[in-house]
Amino acid sequence: MIPRDKLMNDPSSVFEKPSDVLDNLELSAEQKIEILRQWKQDVMLRLVAEEENMPGDPENSDRLKAITDALIALEQD
């Protein structure tokens, strides 16, 4: 089992893509939502930093969409 603090503080260090969170059978739906919300917040902060001319990851926009789609899928269940 992955330590909870690692899951919540840095989801991208544990999961390669948001669908990996959805596919994880050890997590409850509530935990998945919490992890994805944290990940979304992290990516949004990175996008703001990029707007302020800080170096960024060109994949952040696509990652944000994937996280949002995963959250929608969970919240519809």
C-alpha atoms as a PDB file:
ATOM      1  CA  MET A   1       0.000   0.000   0.000  1.00  0.00           C
ATOM      2  CA  ILE A   2       1.217   3.450  -0.896  1.00  0.00           C
ATOM      3  CA  PRO A   3       1.573   5.874   2.037  1.00  0.00           C
ATOM      4  CA  ARG A   4      -1.401   8.259   2.198  1.00  0.00           C
ATOM      5  CA  ASP A   5       0.766  11.363   2.563  1.00  0.00           C
ATOM      6  CA  LYS A   6       2.598  10.519  -0.659  1.00  0.00           C
ATOM      7  CA  LEU A   7      -0.701   9.953  -2.467  1.00  0.00           C
ATOM      8  CA  MET A   8      -2.107  13.273  -1.310  1.00  0.00           C
ATOM      9  CA  ASN A   9       0.982  15.470  -1.439  1.00  0.00           C
ATOM     10  CA  ASP A  10       2.297  14.374  -4.814  1.00  0.00           C
ATOM     11  CA  PRO A  11      -0.098  12.178  -6.800  1.00  0.00           C
ATOM     12  CA  SER A  12       2.033  12.500  -9.940  1.00  0.00           C
ATOM     13  CA  SER A  13       4.894  10.720  -8.161  1.00  0.00           C
ATOM     14  CA  VAL A  14       2.652   7.699  -7.651  1.00  0.00           C
ATOM     15  CA  PHE A  15       0.474   7.690 -10.757  1.00  0.00           C
ATOM     16  CA  GLU A  16       1.583   8.202 -14.341  1.00  0.00           C
ATOM     17  CA  LYS A  17      -1.825   9.328 -15.585  1.00  0.00           C
ATOM     18  CA  PRO A  18      -5.241  10.081 -14.052  1.00  0.00           C
ATOM     19  CA  SER A  19      -6.741   6.863 -15.411  1.00  0.00           C
ATOM     20  CA  ASP A  20      -4.266   4.990 -13.180  1.00  0.00           C
ATOM     21  CA  VAL A  21      -6.088   6.479 -10.190  1.00  0.00           C
ATOM     22  CA  LEU A  22      -9.429   5.294 -11.575  1.00  0.00           C
ATOM     23  CA  ASP A  23      -8.062   1.798 -12.186  1.00  0.00           C
ATOM     24  CA  ASN A  24      -6.602   1.404  -8.680  1.00  0.00           C
ATOM     25  CA  LEU A  25      -8.665  -1.196  -6.830  1.00  0.00           C
ATOM     26  CA  GLU A  26      -7.198  -0.381  -3.401  1.00  0.00           C
ATOM     27  CA  LEU A  27      -8.742   3.104  -3.284  1.00  0.00           C
ATOM     28  CA  SER A  28     -12.340   4.002  -2.530  1.00  0.00           C
ATOM     29  CA  ALA A  29     -14.224   6.386  -4.822  1.00  0.00           C
ATOM     30  CA  GLU A  30     -13.875   9.118  -2.186  1.00  0.00           C
ATOM     31  CA  GLN A  31     -10.111   8.613  -1.994  1.00  0.00           C
ATOM     32  CA  LYS A  32      -9.830   8.718  -5.781  1.00  0.00           C
ATOM     33  CA  ILE A  33     -11.765  11.990  -5.886  1.00  0.00           C
ATOM     34  CA  GLU A  34      -9.573  13.472  -3.166  1.00  0.00           C
ATOM     35  CA  ILE A  35      -6.382  12.434  -4.974  1.00  0.00           C
ATOM     36  CA  LEU A  36      -7.597  13.736  -8.333  1.00  0.00           C
ATOM     37  CA  ARG A  37      -8.673  17.060  -6.799  1.00  0.00           C
ATOM     38  CA  GLN A  38      -5.228  17.486  -5.257  1.00  0.00           C
ATOM     39  CA  TRP A  39      -3.556  16.586  -8.539  1.00  0.00           C
ATOM     40  CA  LYS A  40      -5.800  19.058 -10.377  1.00  0.00           C
ATOM     41  CA  GLN A  41      -4.853  21.812  -7.943  1.00  0.00           C
ATOM     42  CA  ASP A  42      -1.149  21.034  -8.421  1.00  0.00           C
ATOM     43  CA  VAL A  43      -1.450  21.191 -12.212  1.00  0.00           C
ATOM     44  CA  MET A  44      -3.439  24.434 -12.070  1.00  0.00           C
ATOM     45  CA  LEU A  45      -0.734  26.015  -9.915  1.00  0.00           C
ATOM     46  CA  ARG A  46       1.896  24.917 -12.439  1.00  0.00           C
ATOM     47  CA  LEU A  47      -0.111  26.449 -15.277  1.00  0.00           C
ATOM     48  CA  VAL A  48      -0.290  29.754 -13.399  1.00  0.00           C
ATOM     49  CA  ALA A  49       3.472  29.637 -12.876  1.00  0.00           C
ATOM     50  CA  GLU A  50       3.944  29.012 -16.599  1.00  0.00           C
ATOM     51  CA  GLU A  51       1.845  32.100 -17.350  1.00  0.00           C
ATOM     52  CA  GLU A  52       4.300  34.043 -15.195  1.00  0.00           C
ATOM     53  CA  ASN A  53       7.128  32.880 -17.477  1.00  0.00           C
ATOM     54  CA  MET A  54       8.415  30.120 -15.244  1.00  0.00           C
ATOM     55  CA  PRO A  55       9.544  26.935 -17.000  1.00  0.00           C
ATOM     56  CA  GLY A  56       6.771  24.396 -17.289  1.00  0.00           C
ATOM     57  CA  ASP A  57       5.649  21.114 -18.718  1.00  0.00           C
ATOM     58  CA  PRO A  58       3.945  21.315 -22.125  1.00  0.00           C
ATOM     59  CA  GLU A  59       1.753  18.371 -21.094  1.00  0.00           C
ATOM     60  CA  ASN A  60       0.060  20.267 -18.234  1.00  0.00           C
ATOM     61  CA  SER A  61      -2.957  21.387 -20.278  1.00  0.00           C
ATOM     62  CA  ASP A  62      -3.626  17.858 -21.497  1.00  0.00           C
ATOM     63  CA  ARG A  63      -3.055  16.491 -17.988  1.00  0.00           C
ATOM     64  CA  LEU A  64      -5.558  18.980 -16.545  1.00  0.00           C
ATOM     65  CA  LYS A  65      -8.191  17.840 -19.046  1.00  0.00           C
ATOM     66  CA  ALA A  66      -7.535  14.168 -18.242  1.00  0.00           C
ATOM     67  CA  ILE A  67      -7.833  14.834 -14.495  1.00  0.00           C
ATOM     68  CA  THR A  68     -11.072  16.768 -14.998  1.00  0.00           C
ATOM     69  CA  ASP A  69     -12.495  13.967 -17.158  1.00  0.00           C
ATOM     70  CA  ALA A  70     -11.572  11.398 -14.490  1.00  0.00           C
ATOM     71  CA  LEU A  71     -13.262  13.457 -11.783  1.00  0.00           C
ATOM     72  CA  ILE A  72     -16.408  13.766 -13.886  1.00  0.00           C
ATOM     73  CA  ALA A  73     -16.451  10.014 -14.440  1.00  0.00           C
ATOM     74  CA  LEU A  74     -16.142   9.339 -10.688  1.00  0.00           C
ATOM     75  CA  GLU A  75     -18.722  11.911  -9.700  1.00  0.00           C
ATOM     76  CA  GLN A  76     -21.276  10.454 -12.128  1.00  0.00           C
ATOM     77  CA  ASP A  77     -21.085   7.006 -10.533  1.00  0.00           C
END
